[in-house]
PDB file of N, CA and C in Angstrom:
ATOM      1  N   UNK A   1      53.292 180.804-187.203  1.00  0.00           N
ATOM      2  CA  UNK A   1      53.258 181.384-188.526  1.00  0.00           C
ATOM      3  C   UNK A   1      54.494 182.272-188.689  1.00  0.00           C
ATOM      4  N   UNK A   2      55.161 182.112-189.806  1.00  0.00           N
ATOM      5  CA  UNK A   2      56.352 182.916-190.077  1.00  0.00           C
ATOM      6  C   UNK A   2      55.959 184.356-190.368  1.00  0.00           C
ATOM      7  N   UNK A   3      56.887 185.244-190.117  1.00  0.00           N
ATOM      8  CA  UNK A   3      56.620 186.650-190.344  1.00  0.00           C
ATOM      9  C   UNK A   3      56.322 186.954-191.804  1.00  0.00           C
ATOM     10  N   UNK A   4      56.992 186.255-192.714  1.00  0.00           N
ATOM     11  CA  UNK A   4      56.730 186.474-194.137  1.00  0.00           C
ATOM     12  C   UNK A   4      55.288 186.086-194.484  1.00  0.00           C
ATOM     13  N   UNK A   5      54.765 185.058-193.808  1.00  0.00           N
ATOM     14  CA  UNK A   5      53.371 184.666-194.014  1.00  0.00           C
ATOM     15  C   UNK A   5      52.432 185.740-193.472  1.00  0.00           C
ATOM     16  N   UNK A   6      52.756 186.262-192.286  1.00  0.00           N
ATOM     17  CA  UNK A   6      51.943 187.343-191.718  1.00  0.00           C
ATOM     18  C   UNK A   6      51.916 188.526-192.672  1.00  0.00           C
ATOM     19  N   UNK A   7      53.091 188.898-193.150  1.00  0.00           N
ATOM     20  CA  UNK A   7      53.197 190.057-194.047  1.00  0.00           C
ATOM     21  C   UNK A   7      52.353 189.856-195.293  1.00  0.00           C
ATOM     22  N   UNK A   8      52.362 188.660-195.841  1.00  0.00           N
ATOM     23  CA  UNK A   8      51.611 188.407-197.068  1.00  0.00           C
ATOM     24  C   UNK A   8      50.100 188.445-196.839  1.00  0.00           C
ATOM     25  N   UNK A   9      49.657 188.221-195.606  1.00  0.00           N
ATOM     26  CA  UNK A   9      48.229 188.212-195.297  1.00  0.00           C
ATOM     27  C   UNK A   9      47.682 189.589-194.913  1.00  0.00           C
ATOM     28  N   UNK A  10      48.570 190.511-194.554  1.00  0.00           N
ATOM     29  CA  UNK A  10      48.131 191.849-194.163  1.00  0.00           C
ATOM     30  C   UNK A  10      47.792 192.640-195.428  1.00  0.00           C
ATOM     31  N   UNK A  11      46.547 193.104-195.542  1.00  0.00           N
ATOM     32  CA  UNK A  11      46.170 193.872-196.729  1.00  0.00           C
ATOM     33  C   UNK A  11      46.933 195.193-196.823  1.00  0.00           C
ATOM     34  N   UNK A  12      47.152 195.623-198.048  1.00  0.00           N
ATOM     35  CA  UNK A  12      47.822 196.900-198.289  1.00  0.00           C
ATOM     36  C   UNK A  12      47.044 198.010-197.587  1.00  0.00           C
ATOM     37  N   UNK A  13      47.749 198.872-196.898  1.00  0.00           N
ATOM     38  CA  UNK A  13      47.115 199.996-196.227  1.00  0.00           C
ATOM     39  C   UNK A  13      46.739 199.748-194.779  1.00  0.00           C
ATOM     40  N   UNK A  14      46.997 198.574-194.252  1.00  0.00           N
ATOM     41  CA  UNK A  14      46.625 198.262-192.872  1.00  0.00           C
ATOM     42  C   UNK A  14      47.727 198.561-191.866  1.00  0.00           C
ATOM     43  N   UNK A  15      48.861 199.061-192.329  1.00  0.00           N
ATOM     44  CA  UNK A  15      49.966 199.366-191.430  1.00  0.00           C
ATOM     45  C   UNK A  15      49.586 200.341-190.330  1.00  0.00           C
ATOM     46  N   UNK A  16      48.840 201.383-190.684  1.00  0.00           N
ATOM     47  CA  UNK A  16      48.458 202.385-189.686  1.00  0.00           C
ATOM     48  C   UNK A  16      47.459 201.813-188.687  1.00  0.00           C
ATOM     49  N   UNK A  17      46.535 200.977-189.150  1.00  0.00           N
ATOM     50  CA  UNK A  17      45.566 200.358-188.232  1.00  0.00           C
ATOM     51  C   UNK A  17      46.279 199.459-187.228  1.00  0.00           C
ATOM     52  N   UNK A  18      47.267 198.718-187.702  1.00  0.00           N
ATOM     53  CA  UNK A  18      48.046 197.858-186.812  1.00  0.00           C
ATOM     54  C   UNK A  18      48.832 198.710-185.827  1.00  0.00           C
ATOM     55  N   UNK A  19      49.439 199.779-186.323  1.00  0.00           N
ATOM     56  CA  UNK A  19      50.213 200.674-185.464  1.00  0.00           C
ATOM     57  C   UNK A  19      49.335 201.283-184.381  1.00  0.00           C
ATOM     58  N   UNK A  20      48.147 201.723-184.751  1.00  0.00           N
ATOM     59  CA  UNK A  20      47.224 202.312-183.772  1.00  0.00           C
ATOM     60  C   UNK A  20      46.844 201.287-182.708  1.00  0.00           C
ATOM     61  N   UNK A  21      46.567 200.070-183.132  1.00  0.00           N
ATOM     62  CA  UNK A  21      46.170 199.017-182.187  1.00  0.00           C
ATOM     63  C   UNK A  21      47.316 198.647-181.247  1.00  0.00           C
ATOM     64  N   UNK A  22      48.551 198.666-181.772  1.00  0.00           N
ATOM     65  CA  UNK A  22      49.721 198.286-180.969  1.00  0.00           C
ATOM     66  C   UNK A  22      50.291 199.464-180.186  1.00  0.00           C
ATOM     67  N   UNK A  23      49.875 200.679-180.518  1.00  0.00           N
ATOM     68  CA  UNK A  23      50.395 201.857-179.823  1.00  0.00           C
ATOM     69  C   UNK A  23      51.816 202.212-180.247  1.00  0.00           C
ATOM     70  N   UNK A  24      52.114 201.979-181.515  1.00  0.00           N
ATOM     71  CA  UNK A  24      53.441 202.281-182.049  1.00  0.00           C
ATOM     72  C   UNK A  24      53.293 203.086-183.336  1.00  0.00           C
ATOM     73  N   UNK A  25      54.422 203.461-183.906  1.00  0.00           N
ATOM     74  CA  UNK A  25      54.402 204.176-185.180  1.00  0.00           C
ATOM     75  C   UNK A  25      54.307 203.181-186.331  1.00  0.00           C
ATOM     76  N   UNK A  26      53.795 203.671-187.451  1.00  0.00           N
ATOM     77  CA  UNK A  26      53.645 202.830-188.638  1.00  0.00           C
ATOM     78  C   UNK A  26      54.995 202.247-189.082  1.00  0.00           C
ATOM     79  N   UNK A  27      56.045 203.014-188.914  1.00  0.00           N
ATOM     80  CA  UNK A  27      57.383 202.559-189.295  1.00  0.00           C
ATOM     81  C   UNK A  27      57.782 201.319-188.492  1.00  0.00           C
ATOM     82  N   UNK A  28      57.410 201.263-187.228  1.00  0.00           N
ATOM     83  CA  UNK A  28      57.731 200.100-186.395  1.00  0.00           C
ATOM     84  C   UNK A  28      57.016 198.852-186.907  1.00  0.00           C
ATOM     85  N   UNK A  29      55.793 199.029-187.395  1.00  0.00           N
ATOM     86  CA  UNK A  29      55.052 197.899-187.968  1.00  0.00           C
ATOM     87  C   UNK A  29      55.766 197.403-189.217  1.00  0.00           C
ATOM     88  N   UNK A  30      56.184 198.322-190.058  1.00  0.00           N
ATOM     89  CA  UNK A  30      56.909 197.964-191.275  1.00  0.00           C
ATOM     90  C   UNK A  30      58.191 197.214-190.944  1.00  0.00           C
ATOM     91  N   UNK A  31      58.920 197.719-189.970  1.00  0.00           N
ATOM     92  CA  UNK A  31      60.165 197.058-189.570  1.00  0.00           C
ATOM     93  C   UNK A  31      59.888 195.667-189.017  1.00  0.00           C
ATOM     94  N   UNK A  32      58.822 195.533-188.244  1.00  0.00           N
ATOM     95  CA  UNK A  32      58.452 194.221-187.698  1.00  0.00           C
ATOM     96  C   UNK A  32      58.138 193.239-188.824  1.00  0.00           C
ATOM     97  N   UNK A  33      57.297 193.662-189.767  1.00  0.00           N
ATOM     98  CA  UNK A  33      56.895 192.775-190.855  1.00  0.00           C
ATOM     99  C   UNK A  33      58.065 192.418-191.766  1.00  0.00           C
ATOM    100  N   UNK A  34      59.067 193.279-191.814  1.00  0.00           N
ATOM    101  CA  UNK A  34      60.253 193.005-192.623  1.00  0.00           C
ATOM    102  C   UNK A  34      61.350 192.289-191.842  1.00  0.00           C
ATOM    103  N   UNK A  35      61.063 191.920-190.586  1.00  0.00           N
ATOM    104  CA  UNK A  35      62.005 191.142-189.783  1.00  0.00           C
ATOM    105  C   UNK A  35      63.139 191.937-189.182  1.00  0.00           C
ATOM    106  N   UNK A  36      62.977 193.252-189.093  1.00  0.00           N
ATOM    107  CA  UNK A  36      64.057 194.095-188.577  1.00  0.00           C
ATOM    108  C   UNK A  36      63.937 194.376-187.084  1.00  0.00           C
ATOM    109  N   UNK A  37      62.800 194.051-186.484  1.00  0.00           N
ATOM    110  CA  UNK A  37      62.667 194.183-185.037  1.00  0.00           C
ATOM    111  C   UNK A  37      61.633 193.187-184.521  1.00  0.00           C
ATOM    112  N   UNK A  38      61.645 192.972-183.238  1.00  0.00           N
ATOM    113  CA  UNK A  38      60.675 192.089-182.593  1.00  0.00           C
ATOM    114  C   UNK A  38      59.850 192.923-181.626  1.00  0.00           C
ATOM    115  N   UNK A  39      58.536 192.737-181.678  1.00  0.00           N
ATOM    116  CA  UNK A  39      57.655 193.471-180.794  1.00  0.00           C
ATOM    117  C   UNK A  39      56.387 192.640-180.599  1.00  0.00           C
ATOM    118  N   UNK A  40      56.175 192.199-179.386  1.00  0.00           N
ATOM    119  CA  UNK A  40      55.026 191.353-179.084  1.00  0.00           C
ATOM    120  C   UNK A  40      53.721 192.097-179.314  1.00  0.00           C
ATOM    121  N   UNK A  41      53.674 193.369-178.969  1.00  0.00           N
ATOM    122  CA  UNK A  41      52.450 194.148-179.148  1.00  0.00           C
ATOM    123  C   UNK A  41      52.065 194.238-180.618  1.00  0.00           C
ATOM    124  N   UNK A  42      53.049 194.426-181.484  1.00  0.00           N
ATOM    125  CA  UNK A  42      52.770 194.495-182.916  1.00  0.00           C
ATOM    126  C   UNK A  42      52.302 193.135-183.413  1.00  0.00           C
ATOM    127  N   UNK A  43      52.957 192.084-182.965  1.00  0.00           N
ATOM    128  CA  UNK A  43      52.565 190.739-183.390  1.00  0.00           C
ATOM    129  C   UNK A  43      51.121 190.442-182.992  1.00  0.00           C
ATOM    130  N   UNK A  44      50.753 190.776-181.777  1.00  0.00           N
ATOM    131  CA  UNK A  44      49.379 190.560-181.320  1.00  0.00           C
ATOM    132  C   UNK A  44      48.391 191.401-182.128  1.00  0.00           C
ATOM    133  N   UNK A  45      48.759 192.643-182.416  1.00  0.00           N
ATOM    134  CA  UNK A  45      47.885 193.519-183.197  1.00  0.00           C
ATOM    135  C   UNK A  45      47.676 192.961-184.600  1.00  0.00           C
ATOM    136  N   UNK A  46      48.746 192.456-185.211  1.00  0.00           N
ATOM    137  CA  UNK A  46      48.631 191.863-186.552  1.00  0.00           C
ATOM    138  C   UNK A  46      47.686 190.671-186.498  1.00  0.00           C
ATOM    139  N   UNK A  47      47.870 189.813-185.519  1.00  0.00           N
ATOM    140  CA  UNK A  47      47.023 188.627-185.404  1.00  0.00           C
ATOM    141  C   UNK A  47      45.566 188.999-185.145  1.00  0.00           C
ATOM    142  N   UNK A  48      45.329 190.029-184.332  1.00  0.00           N
ATOM    143  CA  UNK A  48      43.960 190.482-184.070  1.00  0.00           C
ATOM    144  C   UNK A  48      43.311 191.024-185.334  1.00  0.00           C
ATOM    145  N   UNK A  49      44.044 191.834-186.069  1.00  0.00           N
ATOM    146  CA  UNK A  49      43.520 192.408-187.325  1.00  0.00           C
ATOM    147  C   UNK A  49      43.191 191.282-188.305  1.00  0.00           C
ATOM    148  N   UNK A  50      44.090 190.315-188.446  1.00  0.00           N
ATOM    149  CA  UNK A  50      43.845 189.210-189.371  1.00  0.00           C
ATOM    150  C   UNK A  50      42.643 188.379-188.933  1.00  0.00           C
ATOM    151  N   UNK A  51      42.463 188.194-187.627  1.00  0.00           N
ATOM    152  CA  UNK A  51      41.302 187.457-187.122  1.00  0.00           C
ATOM    153  C   UNK A  51      40.009 188.216-187.423  1.00  0.00           C
ATOM    154  N   UNK A  52      40.027 189.527-187.233  1.00  0.00           N
ATOM    155  CA  UNK A  52      38.857 190.350-187.522  1.00  0.00           C
ATOM    156  C   UNK A  52      38.502 190.280-189.007  1.00  0.00           C
ATOM    157  N   UNK A  53      39.504 190.370-189.863  1.00  0.00           N
ATOM    158  CA  UNK A  53      39.263 190.299-191.302  1.00  0.00           C
ATOM    159  C   UNK A  53      38.712 188.937-191.705  1.00  0.00           C
ATOM    160  N   UNK A  54      39.207 187.894-191.084  1.00  0.00           N
ATOM    161  CA  UNK A  54      38.727 186.549-191.379  1.00  0.00           C
ATOM    162  C   UNK A  54      37.260 186.399-190.966  1.00  0.00           C
ATOM    163  N   UNK A  55      36.909 186.940-189.813  1.00  0.00           N
ATOM    164  CA  UNK A  55      35.523 186.887-189.351  1.00  0.00           C
ATOM    165  C   UNK A  55      34.604 187.642-190.297  1.00  0.00           C
ATOM    166  N   UNK A  56      35.039 188.820-190.743  1.00  0.00           N
ATOM    167  CA  UNK A  56      34.234 189.606-191.683  1.00  0.00           C
ATOM    168  C   UNK A  56      34.047 188.851-192.994  1.00  0.00           C
ATOM    169  N   UNK A  57      35.108 188.251-193.478  1.00  0.00           N
ATOM    170  CA  UNK A  57      35.041 187.490-194.728  1.00  0.00           C
ATOM    171  C   UNK A  57      34.052 186.338-194.593  1.00  0.00           C
ATOM    172  N   UNK A  58      34.160 185.606-193.504  1.00  0.00           N
ATOM    173  CA  UNK A  58      33.258 184.470-193.288  1.00  0.00           C
ATOM    174  C   UNK A  58      31.809 184.927-193.161  1.00  0.00           C
ATOM    175  N   UNK A  59      31.590 186.071-192.527  1.00  0.00           N
ATOM    176  CA  UNK A  59      30.253 186.619-192.386  1.00  0.00           C
ATOM    177  C   UNK A  59      29.657 186.979-193.746  1.00  0.00           C
ATOM    178  N   UNK A  60      30.452 187.621-194.581  1.00  0.00           N
ATOM    179  CA  UNK A  60      29.981 187.988-195.919  1.00  0.00           C
ATOM    180  C   UNK A  60      29.691 186.746-196.758  1.00  0.00           C
ATOM    181  N   UNK A  61      30.561 185.748-196.665  1.00  0.00           N
ATOM    182  CA  UNK A  61      30.363 184.513-197.428  1.00  0.00           C
ATOM    183  C   UNK A  61      29.095 183.785-196.971  1.00  0.00           C
ATOM    184  N   UNK A  62      28.817 183.834-195.674  1.00  0.00           N
ATOM    185  CA  UNK A  62      27.617 183.187-195.147  1.00  0.00           C
ATOM    186  C   UNK A  62      26.358 183.864-195.677  1.00  0.00           C
ATOM    187  N   UNK A  63      26.407 185.177-195.867  1.00  0.00           N
ATOM    188  CA  UNK A  63      25.253 185.902-196.403  1.00  0.00           C
ATOM    189  C   UNK A  63      24.982 185.527-197.849  1.00  0.00           C
ATOM    190  N   UNK A  64      26.041 185.262-198.577  1.00  0.00           N
ATOM    191  CA  UNK A  64      25.899 184.923-199.993  1.00  0.00           C
ATOM    192  C   UNK A  64      25.281 183.543-200.153  1.00  0.00           C
ATOM    193  N   UNK A  65      25.733 182.637-199.309  1.00  0.00           N
ATOM    194  CA  UNK A  65      25.261 181.243-199.418  1.00  0.00           C
ATOM    195  C   UNK A  65      23.960 181.070-198.758  1.00  0.00           C
TER     196      UNK A  65
END
């Protein structure tokens, strides 16, 4: 997945949550999502957050149906 795709999937306001999970500053997350630096820990944190959000979404949708 391209970084621009990752950035578009991260909800507004999740920068600090990603930073906390990766053990970095929020600015580093912003720089990563904007393609200004590479950091495996941030990438993994973004993917984990997106997976968690997807699971929550699917859980809520299952309750509705």
